[in-house]
Amino acid sequence: MESVTPYRSKDTGVGVIDKGVAIVQALAVEPLDLLGLQRATGLPRATAHRLASALEAHGFVRRDTQGRFCLGFELVRLGQVATDEFPLAELARPALEGLRDRTGESVQLYVREGDARRCVVSVQSSHALQWIVPVGALHPLAAGSAGKVLAGPLLALAESVEEREPGVASVSAAVVDRSGSVVAAVSLSGPVERMTRSPLDRFGADVQAAASEIADRLRSP
């Protein structure tokens, strides 16, 4: 199973930025020709072409061997810069991989982004049937165990059974910094048949232990 969140364009009042971001987000799902890009973004053909071409000139968009628009390599560089400036992701990875190894299920680290949650680390299960959340995926706070943890007030653990996607269950725990603020959520997710309909009872202690390990690393000088 794979989760792909279609882009929902936001209106910030700065139209050209919103339209450019819509193009980049559409191409994050799949490469598109001009017609496909127009359909995915809802932009007029001439506008889609003009903005995609401008983004191509800056390296944010490129053309593949079939002539379709796709994400450009400048985003790779910027992504690495963003990762380097966000040490929590690298700091958390050993605990997340340990949780995956103990449970056999997929593990994610989410941070809050406005009224949504962003996946900043994703560690895949070794099972053939697995729940995949790509790094960078943006999901609402209103559904899913990680959203409950990040939405506050402080909730140390939460579970979700088929709230956001049929057949998927999860359990999440809060990562708390020195000030007592929730800075991230560790989430364990997978098919209901393995997670059961009571994922908190089955995996809650493991997820909480991983979140506590990350919090201890975060607080270390």
N, C-alpha and C. Protein backbone atom coordinates (compact mmCIF):
# COMPACT_ATOMS: atom_id res chain seq x y z
N MET A 1 0.85 -1.19 0.00
CA MET A 1 0.00 0.00 0.00
C MET A 1 0.88 1.23 0.00
N GLU A 2 0.47 2.23 -0.75
CA GLU A 2 1.25 3.47 -0.82
C GLU A 2 0.33 4.66 -0.67
N SER A 3 0.77 5.62 0.14
CA SER A 3 -0.01 6.84 0.36
C SER A 3 0.55 7.96 -0.48
N VAL A 4 -0.28 8.51 -1.33
CA VAL A 4 0.10 9.69 -2.10
C VAL A 4 -0.98 10.73 -1.90
N THR A 5 -0.61 11.86 -1.32
CA THR A 5 -1.58 12.90 -1.06
C THR A 5 -1.64 13.86 -2.23
N PRO A 6 -2.78 13.94 -2.93
CA PRO A 6 -2.88 14.91 -4.02
C PRO A 6 -2.78 16.32 -3.47
N TYR A 7 -2.18 17.19 -4.26
CA TYR A 7 -1.94 18.55 -3.79
C TYR A 7 -3.23 19.35 -3.78
N ARG A 8 -3.47 20.05 -2.69
CA ARG A 8 -4.58 20.98 -2.58
C ARG A 8 -3.98 22.39 -2.58
N SER A 9 -4.24 23.15 -3.65
CA SER A 9 -3.65 24.48 -3.79
C SER A 9 -4.14 25.40 -2.68
N LYS A 10 -3.23 26.15 -2.09
CA LYS A 10 -3.57 27.11 -1.05
C LYS A 10 -3.58 28.51 -1.66
N ASP A 11 -4.46 29.33 -1.13
CA ASP A 11 -4.56 30.71 -1.59
C ASP A 11 -3.95 31.62 -0.54
N THR A 12 -2.72 32.07 -0.79
CA THR A 12 -2.05 32.96 0.16
C THR A 12 -2.25 34.41 -0.21
N GLY A 13 -2.85 34.63 -1.35
CA GLY A 13 -3.01 36.00 -1.83
C GLY A 13 -1.89 36.45 -2.74
N VAL A 14 -0.86 35.62 -2.88
CA VAL A 14 0.25 35.92 -3.80
C VAL A 14 0.12 34.91 -4.95
N GLY A 15 -0.66 35.28 -5.94
CA GLY A 15 -1.08 34.35 -6.97
C GLY A 15 0.03 33.62 -7.69
N VAL A 16 1.06 34.34 -8.11
CA VAL A 16 2.11 33.69 -8.90
C VAL A 16 2.86 32.65 -8.07
N ILE A 17 3.04 32.93 -6.78
CA ILE A 17 3.70 31.95 -5.90
C ILE A 17 2.82 30.73 -5.74
N ASP A 18 1.53 30.94 -5.46
CA ASP A 18 0.60 29.82 -5.28
C ASP A 18 0.56 28.94 -6.52
N LYS A 19 0.55 29.55 -7.69
CA LYS A 19 0.49 28.78 -8.93
C LYS A 19 1.79 28.01 -9.17
N GLY A 20 2.92 28.66 -8.87
CA GLY A 20 4.20 27.97 -9.03
C GLY A 20 4.32 26.78 -8.10
N VAL A 21 3.88 26.95 -6.85
CA VAL A 21 3.91 25.85 -5.89
C VAL A 21 2.98 24.73 -6.34
N ALA A 22 1.82 25.09 -6.89
CA ALA A 22 0.89 24.07 -7.39
C ALA A 22 1.55 23.21 -8.46
N ILE A 23 2.35 23.83 -9.33
CA ILE A 23 3.05 23.09 -10.37
C ILE A 23 4.07 22.14 -9.75
N VAL A 24 4.88 22.64 -8.83
CA VAL A 24 5.90 21.80 -8.20
C VAL A 24 5.26 20.63 -7.45
N GLN A 25 4.18 20.91 -6.73
CA GLN A 25 3.52 19.84 -5.99
C GLN A 25 2.88 18.81 -6.91
N ALA A 26 2.32 19.26 -8.02
CA ALA A 26 1.75 18.32 -8.98
C ALA A 26 2.83 17.41 -9.56
N LEU A 27 4.01 17.97 -9.83
CA LEU A 27 5.11 17.17 -10.38
C LEU A 27 5.74 16.27 -9.34
N ALA A 28 5.49 16.55 -8.06
CA ALA A 28 5.98 15.66 -7.01
C ALA A 28 5.22 14.34 -7.01
N VAL A 29 4.04 14.33 -7.61
CA VAL A 29 3.25 13.09 -7.71
C VAL A 29 3.73 12.26 -8.88
N GLU A 30 3.95 12.92 -10.04
CA GLU A 30 4.41 12.19 -11.24
C GLU A 30 4.81 13.20 -12.31
N PRO A 31 5.69 12.80 -13.25
CA PRO A 31 6.00 13.66 -14.39
C PRO A 31 4.75 13.88 -15.23
N LEU A 32 4.62 15.07 -15.82
CA LEU A 32 3.42 15.40 -16.57
C LEU A 32 3.78 16.16 -17.84
N ASP A 33 3.03 15.87 -18.90
CA ASP A 33 3.14 16.74 -20.07
C ASP A 33 2.32 17.99 -19.80
N LEU A 34 2.28 18.90 -20.76
CA LEU A 34 1.62 20.18 -20.53
C LEU A 34 0.13 19.99 -20.25
N LEU A 35 -0.51 19.10 -20.99
CA LEU A 35 -1.94 18.86 -20.77
C LEU A 35 -2.18 18.27 -19.38
N GLY A 36 -1.34 17.32 -18.99
CA GLY A 36 -1.48 16.73 -17.67
C GLY A 36 -1.23 17.74 -16.56
N LEU A 37 -0.27 18.61 -16.78
CA LEU A 37 0.04 19.65 -15.79
C LEU A 37 -1.13 20.63 -15.67
N GLN A 38 -1.72 20.96 -16.80
CA GLN A 38 -2.87 21.85 -16.80
C GLN A 38 -4.03 21.22 -16.02
N ARG A 39 -4.28 19.94 -16.24
CA ARG A 39 -5.37 19.26 -15.55
C ARG A 39 -5.09 19.13 -14.06
N ALA A 40 -3.85 18.84 -13.70
CA ALA A 40 -3.51 18.62 -12.30
C ALA A 40 -3.58 19.89 -11.47
N THR A 41 -3.30 21.03 -12.11
CA THR A 41 -3.24 22.29 -11.36
C THR A 41 -4.48 23.16 -11.56
N GLY A 42 -5.23 22.90 -12.64
CA GLY A 42 -6.38 23.74 -12.94
C GLY A 42 -6.00 25.07 -13.55
N LEU A 43 -4.73 25.21 -13.95
CA LEU A 43 -4.27 26.48 -14.53
C LEU A 43 -4.57 26.51 -16.03
N PRO A 44 -4.77 27.70 -16.59
CA PRO A 44 -4.89 27.80 -18.05
C PRO A 44 -3.62 27.28 -18.72
N ARG A 45 -3.76 26.78 -19.92
CA ARG A 45 -2.63 26.17 -20.63
C ARG A 45 -1.45 27.14 -20.74
N ALA A 46 -1.73 28.37 -21.15
CA ALA A 46 -0.64 29.34 -21.34
C ALA A 46 0.05 29.65 -20.02
N THR A 47 -0.72 29.76 -18.94
CA THR A 47 -0.14 30.04 -17.63
C THR A 47 0.71 28.89 -17.14
N ALA A 48 0.19 27.67 -17.29
CA ALA A 48 0.94 26.49 -16.86
C ALA A 48 2.27 26.40 -17.61
N HIS A 49 2.24 26.65 -18.92
CA HIS A 49 3.47 26.58 -19.71
C HIS A 49 4.45 27.68 -19.32
N ARG A 50 3.95 28.88 -19.13
CA ARG A 50 4.83 30.01 -18.80
C ARG A 50 5.50 29.79 -17.44
N LEU A 51 4.74 29.36 -16.45
CA LEU A 51 5.32 29.18 -15.12
C LEU A 51 6.24 27.96 -15.07
N ALA A 52 5.86 26.88 -15.74
CA ALA A 52 6.71 25.70 -15.76
C ALA A 52 8.04 26.01 -16.44
N SER A 53 7.98 26.79 -17.50
CA SER A 53 9.21 27.16 -18.20
C SER A 53 10.10 28.05 -17.33
N ALA A 54 9.48 28.97 -16.58
CA ALA A 54 10.25 29.82 -15.67
C ALA A 54 10.90 28.99 -14.57
N LEU A 55 10.15 28.03 -14.03
CA LEU A 55 10.70 27.14 -13.00
C LEU A 55 11.83 26.28 -13.57
N GLU A 56 11.69 25.90 -14.82
CA GLU A 56 12.75 25.13 -15.49
C GLU A 56 14.03 25.95 -15.60
N ALA A 57 13.88 27.23 -15.89
CA ALA A 57 15.05 28.10 -16.02
C ALA A 57 15.80 28.22 -14.70
N HIS A 58 15.09 28.09 -13.59
CA HIS A 58 15.71 28.19 -12.26
C HIS A 58 16.13 26.83 -11.72
N GLY A 59 15.89 25.75 -12.46
CA GLY A 59 16.32 24.43 -12.03
C GLY A 59 15.34 23.69 -11.14
N PHE A 60 14.17 24.29 -10.87
CA PHE A 60 13.18 23.63 -10.02
C PHE A 60 12.36 22.61 -10.80
N VAL A 61 12.34 22.76 -12.11
CA VAL A 61 11.64 21.85 -13.02
C VAL A 61 12.59 21.50 -14.15
N ARG A 62 12.49 20.29 -14.67
CA ARG A 62 13.28 19.89 -15.83
C ARG A 62 12.40 19.06 -16.75
N ARG A 63 12.93 18.65 -17.88
CA ARG A 63 12.22 17.76 -18.80
C ARG A 63 12.88 16.39 -18.77
N ASP A 64 12.07 15.33 -18.78
CA ASP A 64 12.63 13.99 -18.85
C ASP A 64 12.83 13.60 -20.31
N THR A 65 13.24 12.36 -20.57
CA THR A 65 13.56 11.93 -21.93
C THR A 65 12.33 11.91 -22.83
N GLN A 66 11.14 11.91 -22.23
CA GLN A 66 9.90 11.93 -23.01
C GLN A 66 9.35 13.34 -23.18
N GLY A 67 10.10 14.33 -22.68
CA GLY A 67 9.67 15.70 -22.81
C GLY A 67 8.67 16.16 -21.77
N ARG A 68 8.41 15.31 -20.79
CA ARG A 68 7.47 15.68 -19.74
C ARG A 68 8.16 16.55 -18.69
N PHE A 69 7.38 17.40 -18.04
CA PHE A 69 7.90 18.18 -16.94
C PHE A 69 8.05 17.28 -15.72
N CYS A 70 9.16 17.45 -14.99
CA CYS A 70 9.37 16.71 -13.74
C CYS A 70 10.20 17.60 -12.81
N LEU A 71 10.37 17.15 -11.58
CA LEU A 71 11.10 17.96 -10.60
C LEU A 71 12.56 18.13 -11.00
N GLY A 72 13.08 19.33 -10.79
CA GLY A 72 14.45 19.63 -11.17
C GLY A 72 15.46 19.34 -10.07
N PHE A 73 16.70 19.26 -10.45
CA PHE A 73 17.76 18.86 -9.52
C PHE A 73 18.12 19.95 -8.52
N GLU A 74 17.73 21.18 -8.78
CA GLU A 74 17.97 22.23 -7.79
C GLU A 74 17.23 21.93 -6.50
N LEU A 75 16.11 21.22 -6.61
CA LEU A 75 15.36 20.85 -5.41
C LEU A 75 16.13 19.86 -4.55
N VAL A 76 16.96 19.03 -5.20
CA VAL A 76 17.79 18.09 -4.44
C VAL A 76 18.77 18.85 -3.56
N ARG A 77 19.39 19.87 -4.13
CA ARG A 77 20.34 20.67 -3.36
C ARG A 77 19.65 21.39 -2.21
N LEU A 78 18.51 21.99 -2.51
CA LEU A 78 17.79 22.71 -1.46
C LEU A 78 17.27 21.77 -0.39
N GLY A 79 16.86 20.57 -0.81
CA GLY A 79 16.40 19.58 0.16
C GLY A 79 17.51 19.17 1.10
N GLN A 80 18.72 19.03 0.57
CA GLN A 80 19.85 18.67 1.42
C GLN A 80 20.17 19.79 2.40
N VAL A 81 20.08 21.02 1.93
CA VAL A 81 20.31 22.17 2.83
C VAL A 81 19.27 22.18 3.94
N ALA A 82 18.01 21.96 3.58
CA ALA A 82 16.94 21.94 4.58
C ALA A 82 17.15 20.82 5.58
N THR A 83 17.59 19.65 5.10
CA THR A 83 17.85 18.52 6.00
C THR A 83 18.98 18.84 6.96
N ASP A 84 20.04 19.45 6.43
CA ASP A 84 21.19 19.79 7.27
C ASP A 84 20.82 20.80 8.35
N GLU A 85 19.85 21.65 8.04
CA GLU A 85 19.44 22.67 9.01
C GLU A 85 18.32 22.18 9.93
N PHE A 86 17.93 20.91 9.77
CA PHE A 86 16.89 20.33 10.61
C PHE A 86 17.45 19.04 11.21
N PRO A 87 18.28 19.15 12.25
CA PRO A 87 18.99 17.99 12.78
C PRO A 87 18.09 16.95 13.44
N LEU A 88 16.85 17.31 13.79
CA LEU A 88 15.97 16.36 14.46
C LEU A 88 15.78 15.08 13.64
N ALA A 89 15.68 15.22 12.32
CA ALA A 89 15.45 14.06 11.47
C ALA A 89 16.60 13.06 11.58
N GLU A 90 17.82 13.54 11.47
CA GLU A 90 18.97 12.63 11.56
C GLU A 90 19.15 12.12 12.98
N LEU A 91 18.90 12.95 13.95
CA LEU A 91 19.01 12.56 15.35
C LEU A 91 18.02 11.45 15.68
N ALA A 92 16.85 11.49 15.06
CA ALA A 92 15.79 10.53 15.38
C ALA A 92 15.94 9.20 14.65
N ARG A 93 16.68 9.18 13.56
CA ARG A 93 16.69 8.00 12.70
C ARG A 93 17.08 6.70 13.41
N PRO A 94 18.12 6.67 14.25
CA PRO A 94 18.45 5.39 14.91
C PRO A 94 17.29 4.82 15.73
N ALA A 95 16.58 5.67 16.45
CA ALA A 95 15.44 5.21 17.25
C ALA A 95 14.31 4.72 16.35
N LEU A 96 14.10 5.40 15.24
CA LEU A 96 13.03 5.01 14.32
C LEU A 96 13.35 3.67 13.65
N GLU A 97 14.60 3.50 13.26
CA GLU A 97 14.99 2.22 12.65
C GLU A 97 14.92 1.09 13.67
N GLY A 98 15.27 1.39 14.92
CA GLY A 98 15.16 0.38 15.97
C GLY A 98 13.72 -0.03 16.20
N LEU A 99 12.81 0.93 16.16
CA LEU A 99 11.38 0.64 16.32
C LEU A 99 10.88 -0.23 15.17
N ARG A 100 11.30 0.09 13.95
CA ARG A 100 10.93 -0.73 12.80
C ARG A 100 11.44 -2.16 12.96
N ASP A 101 12.69 -2.30 13.41
CA ASP A 101 13.27 -3.63 13.55
C ASP A 101 12.57 -4.45 14.63
N ARG A 102 12.14 -3.79 15.71
CA ARG A 102 11.47 -4.51 16.80
C ARG A 102 10.05 -4.94 16.43
N THR A 103 9.38 -4.11 15.66
CA THR A 103 7.97 -4.37 15.38
C THR A 103 7.72 -4.94 13.99
N GLY A 104 8.62 -4.68 13.06
CA GLY A 104 8.43 -5.12 11.69
C GLY A 104 7.54 -4.22 10.86
N GLU A 105 7.05 -3.12 11.45
CA GLU A 105 6.13 -2.24 10.74
C GLU A 105 6.80 -0.94 10.32
N SER A 106 6.14 -0.21 9.44
CA SER A 106 6.66 1.06 8.94
C SER A 106 6.60 2.14 10.03
N VAL A 107 7.60 3.01 10.03
CA VAL A 107 7.70 4.04 11.06
C VAL A 107 7.91 5.40 10.38
N GLN A 108 7.24 6.42 10.92
CA GLN A 108 7.39 7.77 10.40
C GLN A 108 7.63 8.76 11.54
N LEU A 109 8.27 9.86 11.20
CA LEU A 109 8.40 10.99 12.11
C LEU A 109 7.71 12.17 11.45
N TYR A 110 6.74 12.76 12.18
CA TYR A 110 5.99 13.89 11.67
C TYR A 110 6.27 15.14 12.50
N VAL A 111 6.22 16.29 11.85
CA VAL A 111 6.25 17.57 12.55
C VAL A 111 5.03 18.36 12.10
N ARG A 112 4.60 19.27 12.95
CA ARG A 112 3.43 20.07 12.62
C ARG A 112 3.82 21.17 11.64
N GLU A 113 2.94 21.42 10.69
CA GLU A 113 3.13 22.49 9.71
C GLU A 113 1.77 23.17 9.52
N GLY A 114 1.54 24.23 10.28
CA GLY A 114 0.24 24.89 10.24
C GLY A 114 -0.84 23.97 10.76
N ASP A 115 -1.87 23.76 9.94
CA ASP A 115 -2.95 22.87 10.33
C ASP A 115 -2.78 21.47 9.73
N ALA A 116 -1.53 21.13 9.42
CA ALA A 116 -1.23 19.83 8.83
C ALA A 116 0.01 19.24 9.50
N ARG A 117 0.38 18.03 9.07
CA ARG A 117 1.58 17.37 9.58
C ARG A 117 2.41 16.90 8.40
N ARG A 118 3.71 17.09 8.52
CA ARG A 118 4.63 16.78 7.45
C ARG A 118 5.50 15.59 7.86
N CYS A 119 5.61 14.58 6.98
CA CYS A 119 6.50 13.45 7.24
C CYS A 119 7.93 13.86 6.91
N VAL A 120 8.82 13.80 7.91
CA VAL A 120 10.21 14.21 7.69
C VAL A 120 11.17 13.02 7.68
N VAL A 121 10.73 11.89 8.20
CA VAL A 121 11.51 10.64 8.11
C VAL A 121 10.52 9.50 7.90
N SER A 122 10.84 8.59 7.00
CA SER A 122 10.00 7.42 6.76
C SER A 122 10.89 6.19 6.66
N VAL A 123 10.62 5.20 7.51
CA VAL A 123 11.39 3.96 7.53
C VAL A 123 10.44 2.83 7.19
N GLN A 124 10.69 2.14 6.09
CA GLN A 124 9.73 1.17 5.58
C GLN A 124 9.83 -0.18 6.27
N SER A 125 8.67 -0.84 6.36
CA SER A 125 8.58 -2.20 6.87
C SER A 125 9.27 -3.16 5.91
N SER A 126 9.66 -4.31 6.43
CA SER A 126 10.26 -5.34 5.59
C SER A 126 9.22 -6.28 5.01
N HIS A 127 7.96 -6.13 5.42
CA HIS A 127 6.88 -6.97 4.90
C HIS A 127 6.55 -6.62 3.45
N ALA A 128 6.11 -7.61 2.70
CA ALA A 128 5.69 -7.36 1.32
C ALA A 128 4.47 -6.43 1.30
N LEU A 129 3.55 -6.65 2.23
CA LEU A 129 2.38 -5.78 2.37
C LEU A 129 2.72 -4.74 3.43
N GLN A 130 2.88 -3.51 3.00
CA GLN A 130 3.34 -2.48 3.91
C GLN A 130 2.65 -1.16 3.61
N TRP A 131 2.66 -0.27 4.60
CA TRP A 131 2.09 1.07 4.45
C TRP A 131 3.24 2.03 4.23
N ILE A 132 3.26 2.68 3.07
CA ILE A 132 4.36 3.56 2.69
C ILE A 132 3.91 5.01 2.76
N VAL A 133 4.62 5.80 3.52
CA VAL A 133 4.39 7.24 3.55
C VAL A 133 5.67 7.91 3.06
N PRO A 134 5.64 8.56 1.91
CA PRO A 134 6.87 9.18 1.40
C PRO A 134 7.29 10.38 2.23
N VAL A 135 8.59 10.58 2.34
CA VAL A 135 9.11 11.77 3.01
C VAL A 135 8.58 13.01 2.28
N GLY A 136 8.10 13.96 3.05
CA GLY A 136 7.54 15.17 2.48
C GLY A 136 6.03 15.15 2.38
N ALA A 137 5.42 13.98 2.58
CA ALA A 137 3.95 13.89 2.50
C ALA A 137 3.32 14.79 3.54
N LEU A 138 2.25 15.45 3.14
CA LEU A 138 1.54 16.38 4.02
C LEU A 138 0.13 15.86 4.24
N HIS A 139 -0.23 15.65 5.51
CA HIS A 139 -1.54 15.12 5.85
C HIS A 139 -2.22 16.05 6.86
N PRO A 140 -3.54 16.04 6.92
CA PRO A 140 -4.25 16.89 7.87
C PRO A 140 -4.07 16.42 9.31
N LEU A 141 -4.18 17.35 10.24
CA LEU A 141 -4.12 16.99 11.66
C LEU A 141 -5.39 16.28 12.11
N ALA A 142 -6.47 16.48 11.37
CA ALA A 142 -7.78 16.03 11.83
C ALA A 142 -7.96 14.52 11.82
N ALA A 143 -7.13 13.79 11.10
CA ALA A 143 -7.28 12.34 11.02
C ALA A 143 -5.93 11.67 11.18
N GLY A 144 -5.91 10.55 11.89
CA GLY A 144 -4.68 9.80 12.10
C GLY A 144 -4.09 10.05 13.47
N SER A 145 -3.40 9.05 14.00
CA SER A 145 -2.87 9.15 15.36
C SER A 145 -1.81 10.23 15.50
N ALA A 146 -0.96 10.41 14.50
CA ALA A 146 0.08 11.45 14.59
C ALA A 146 -0.55 12.83 14.64
N GLY A 147 -1.64 13.03 13.90
CA GLY A 147 -2.33 14.30 13.93
C GLY A 147 -2.88 14.62 15.30
N LYS A 148 -3.41 13.60 15.97
CA LYS A 148 -3.95 13.80 17.32
C LYS A 148 -2.85 14.22 18.29
N VAL A 149 -1.69 13.60 18.16
CA VAL A 149 -0.57 13.92 19.05
C VAL A 149 -0.07 15.34 18.82
N LEU A 150 0.01 15.73 17.56
CA LEU A 150 0.56 17.05 17.23
C LEU A 150 -0.43 18.18 17.43
N ALA A 151 -1.72 17.86 17.41
CA ALA A 151 -2.73 18.90 17.50
C ALA A 151 -2.81 19.51 18.90
N GLY A 152 -2.43 18.74 19.94
CA GLY A 152 -2.49 19.24 21.30
C GLY A 152 -3.94 19.38 21.77
N PRO A 153 -4.20 19.58 23.06
CA PRO A 153 -3.18 19.70 24.12
C PRO A 153 -2.38 18.40 24.27
N LEU A 154 -1.37 18.44 25.12
CA LEU A 154 -0.42 17.35 25.20
C LEU A 154 -1.11 16.00 25.35
N LEU A 155 -0.90 15.15 24.38
CA LEU A 155 -1.41 13.79 24.37
C LEU A 155 -0.22 12.89 24.08
N ALA A 156 0.19 12.13 25.08
CA ALA A 156 1.42 11.35 24.94
C ALA A 156 1.31 10.26 23.90
N LEU A 157 0.15 9.60 23.84
CA LEU A 157 -0.05 8.49 22.91
C LEU A 157 -1.43 8.58 22.29
N ALA A 158 -1.53 8.14 21.04
CA ALA A 158 -2.82 8.10 20.37
C ALA A 158 -2.83 6.96 19.36
N GLU A 159 -4.01 6.44 19.05
CA GLU A 159 -4.13 5.40 18.05
C GLU A 159 -5.17 5.78 17.01
N SER A 160 -5.10 5.12 15.88
CA SER A 160 -6.02 5.36 14.78
C SER A 160 -6.26 4.04 14.06
N VAL A 161 -7.52 3.75 13.78
CA VAL A 161 -7.87 2.54 13.04
C VAL A 161 -8.78 2.94 11.88
N GLU A 162 -8.24 2.90 10.69
CA GLU A 162 -8.98 3.20 9.46
C GLU A 162 -9.62 4.59 9.48
N GLU A 163 -8.99 5.54 10.13
CA GLU A 163 -9.52 6.90 10.15
C GLU A 163 -9.24 7.64 8.85
N ARG A 164 -8.02 7.51 8.36
CA ARG A 164 -7.64 8.24 7.15
C ARG A 164 -7.64 7.37 5.92
N GLU A 165 -7.29 6.09 6.09
CA GLU A 165 -7.24 5.17 4.96
C GLU A 165 -7.84 3.83 5.38
N PRO A 166 -8.70 3.22 4.56
CA PRO A 166 -9.25 1.90 4.88
C PRO A 166 -8.13 0.86 5.00
N GLY A 167 -8.25 0.00 6.01
CA GLY A 167 -7.31 -1.10 6.16
C GLY A 167 -6.02 -0.74 6.86
N VAL A 168 -5.86 0.51 7.30
CA VAL A 168 -4.61 0.96 7.92
C VAL A 168 -4.85 1.39 9.36
N ALA A 169 -3.96 0.98 10.25
CA ALA A 169 -4.01 1.39 11.65
C ALA A 169 -2.66 1.96 12.04
N SER A 170 -2.66 2.79 13.08
CA SER A 170 -1.40 3.38 13.53
C SER A 170 -1.47 3.72 15.01
N VAL A 171 -0.30 3.88 15.59
CA VAL A 171 -0.19 4.38 16.95
C VAL A 171 0.98 5.37 16.96
N SER A 172 0.80 6.49 17.65
CA SER A 172 1.81 7.55 17.65
C SER A 172 2.09 8.04 19.05
N ALA A 173 3.30 8.53 19.25
CA ALA A 173 3.72 9.08 20.55
C ALA A 173 4.40 10.42 20.33
N ALA A 174 4.25 11.29 21.31
CA ALA A 174 4.81 12.64 21.23
C ALA A 174 6.28 12.66 21.59
N VAL A 175 7.05 13.46 20.86
CA VAL A 175 8.44 13.77 21.21
C VAL A 175 8.42 15.16 21.84
N VAL A 176 8.84 15.23 23.09
CA VAL A 176 8.73 16.46 23.87
C VAL A 176 10.12 17.04 24.14
N ASP A 177 10.27 18.36 23.94
CA ASP A 177 11.57 18.98 24.17
C ASP A 177 11.72 19.42 25.62
N ARG A 178 12.79 20.12 25.91
CA ARG A 178 13.09 20.51 27.29
C ARG A 178 12.01 21.40 27.90
N SER A 179 11.35 22.19 27.07
CA SER A 179 10.34 23.11 27.58
C SER A 179 8.98 22.44 27.78
N GLY A 180 8.89 21.16 27.38
CA GLY A 180 7.62 20.46 27.51
C GLY A 180 6.73 20.57 26.29
N SER A 181 7.26 21.16 25.22
CA SER A 181 6.50 21.32 23.99
C SER A 181 6.64 20.09 23.10
N VAL A 182 5.57 19.74 22.41
CA VAL A 182 5.61 18.63 21.45
C VAL A 182 6.25 19.14 20.16
N VAL A 183 7.37 18.55 19.79
CA VAL A 183 8.09 18.99 18.60
C VAL A 183 7.94 18.02 17.43
N ALA A 184 7.49 16.80 17.71
CA ALA A 184 7.34 15.80 16.66
C ALA A 184 6.47 14.67 17.18
N ALA A 185 6.08 13.81 16.26
CA ALA A 185 5.33 12.61 16.62
C ALA A 185 5.95 11.41 15.93
N VAL A 186 6.22 10.37 16.70
CA VAL A 186 6.68 9.09 16.15
C VAL A 186 5.45 8.26 15.86
N SER A 187 5.35 7.74 14.66
CA SER A 187 4.16 6.97 14.27
C SER A 187 4.55 5.61 13.71
N LEU A 188 3.87 4.58 14.19
CA LEU A 188 4.02 3.22 13.67
C LEU A 188 2.74 2.88 12.94
N SER A 189 2.83 2.45 11.70
CA SER A 189 1.62 2.22 10.92
C SER A 189 1.75 0.98 10.05
N GLY A 190 0.60 0.39 9.76
CA GLY A 190 0.59 -0.80 8.93
C GLY A 190 -0.81 -1.34 8.75
N PRO A 191 -0.95 -2.48 8.06
CA PRO A 191 -2.26 -3.07 7.83
C PRO A 191 -2.94 -3.47 9.15
N VAL A 192 -4.25 -3.30 9.19
CA VAL A 192 -5.00 -3.61 10.40
C VAL A 192 -4.82 -5.05 10.82
N GLU A 193 -4.71 -5.96 9.84
CA GLU A 193 -4.59 -7.37 10.19
C GLU A 193 -3.34 -7.67 11.00
N ARG A 194 -2.29 -6.85 10.87
CA ARG A 194 -1.10 -7.05 11.71
C ARG A 194 -1.10 -6.10 12.90
N MET A 195 -1.55 -4.88 12.69
CA MET A 195 -1.55 -3.89 13.77
C MET A 195 -2.65 -4.18 14.79
N THR A 196 -3.70 -4.91 14.35
CA THR A 196 -4.92 -5.20 15.10
C THR A 196 -5.77 -3.93 15.23
N ARG A 197 -6.95 -4.09 15.76
CA ARG A 197 -7.84 -2.95 15.95
C ARG A 197 -7.57 -2.24 17.27
N SER A 198 -6.56 -2.71 17.98
CA SER A 198 -6.11 -2.04 19.21
C SER A 198 -4.60 -1.84 19.15
N PRO A 199 -4.13 -1.04 18.18
CA PRO A 199 -2.68 -0.87 18.00
C PRO A 199 -1.98 -0.26 19.21
N LEU A 200 -2.71 0.53 19.99
CA LEU A 200 -2.10 1.12 21.18
C LEU A 200 -1.75 0.05 22.19
N ASP A 201 -2.64 -0.90 22.38
CA ASP A 201 -2.36 -1.99 23.33
C ASP A 201 -1.19 -2.84 22.86
N ARG A 202 -1.11 -3.08 21.56
CA ARG A 202 -0.07 -3.97 21.05
C ARG A 202 1.29 -3.30 20.94
N PHE A 203 1.32 -2.06 20.44
CA PHE A 203 2.60 -1.42 20.13
C PHE A 203 2.87 -0.12 20.88
N GLY A 204 1.94 0.31 21.72
CA GLY A 204 2.08 1.59 22.38
C GLY A 204 3.38 1.75 23.16
N ALA A 205 3.75 0.71 23.92
CA ALA A 205 4.96 0.79 24.74
C ALA A 205 6.20 0.94 23.87
N ASP A 206 6.24 0.23 22.73
CA ASP A 206 7.40 0.31 21.83
C ASP A 206 7.51 1.70 21.22
N VAL A 207 6.37 2.26 20.79
CA VAL A 207 6.39 3.57 20.17
C VAL A 207 6.77 4.65 21.19
N GLN A 208 6.23 4.52 22.41
CA GLN A 208 6.57 5.48 23.46
C GLN A 208 8.05 5.42 23.80
N ALA A 209 8.62 4.23 23.81
CA ALA A 209 10.05 4.08 24.11
C ALA A 209 10.89 4.78 23.05
N ALA A 210 10.50 4.65 21.78
CA ALA A 210 11.24 5.30 20.70
C ALA A 210 11.14 6.82 20.81
N ALA A 211 9.94 7.32 21.11
CA ALA A 211 9.76 8.76 21.26
C ALA A 211 10.58 9.30 22.43
N SER A 212 10.63 8.53 23.52
CA SER A 212 11.42 8.95 24.68
C SER A 212 12.91 8.97 24.37
N GLU A 213 13.35 7.99 23.58
CA GLU A 213 14.77 7.94 23.18
C GLU A 213 15.13 9.17 22.36
N ILE A 214 14.25 9.55 21.44
CA ILE A 214 14.50 10.73 20.62
C ILE A 214 14.51 11.98 21.50
N ALA A 215 13.56 12.06 22.43
CA ALA A 215 13.50 13.22 23.31
C ALA A 215 14.78 13.34 24.15
N ASP A 216 15.30 12.20 24.62
CA ASP A 216 16.54 12.22 25.42
C ASP A 216 17.70 12.72 24.57
N ARG A 217 17.76 12.27 23.32
CA ARG A 217 18.83 12.73 22.42
C ARG A 217 18.70 14.22 22.16
N LEU A 218 17.45 14.67 22.01
CA LEU A 218 17.19 16.08 21.74
C LEU A 218 17.62 16.97 22.90
N ARG A 219 17.46 16.45 24.11
CA ARG A 219 17.77 17.24 25.30
C ARG A 219 19.24 17.18 25.67
N SER A 220 19.96 16.23 25.09
CA SER A 220 21.38 16.09 25.43
C SER A 220 22.15 17.30 24.95
N PRO A 221 23.13 17.79 25.72
CA PRO A 221 23.93 18.95 25.31
C PRO A 221 24.81 18.63 24.12
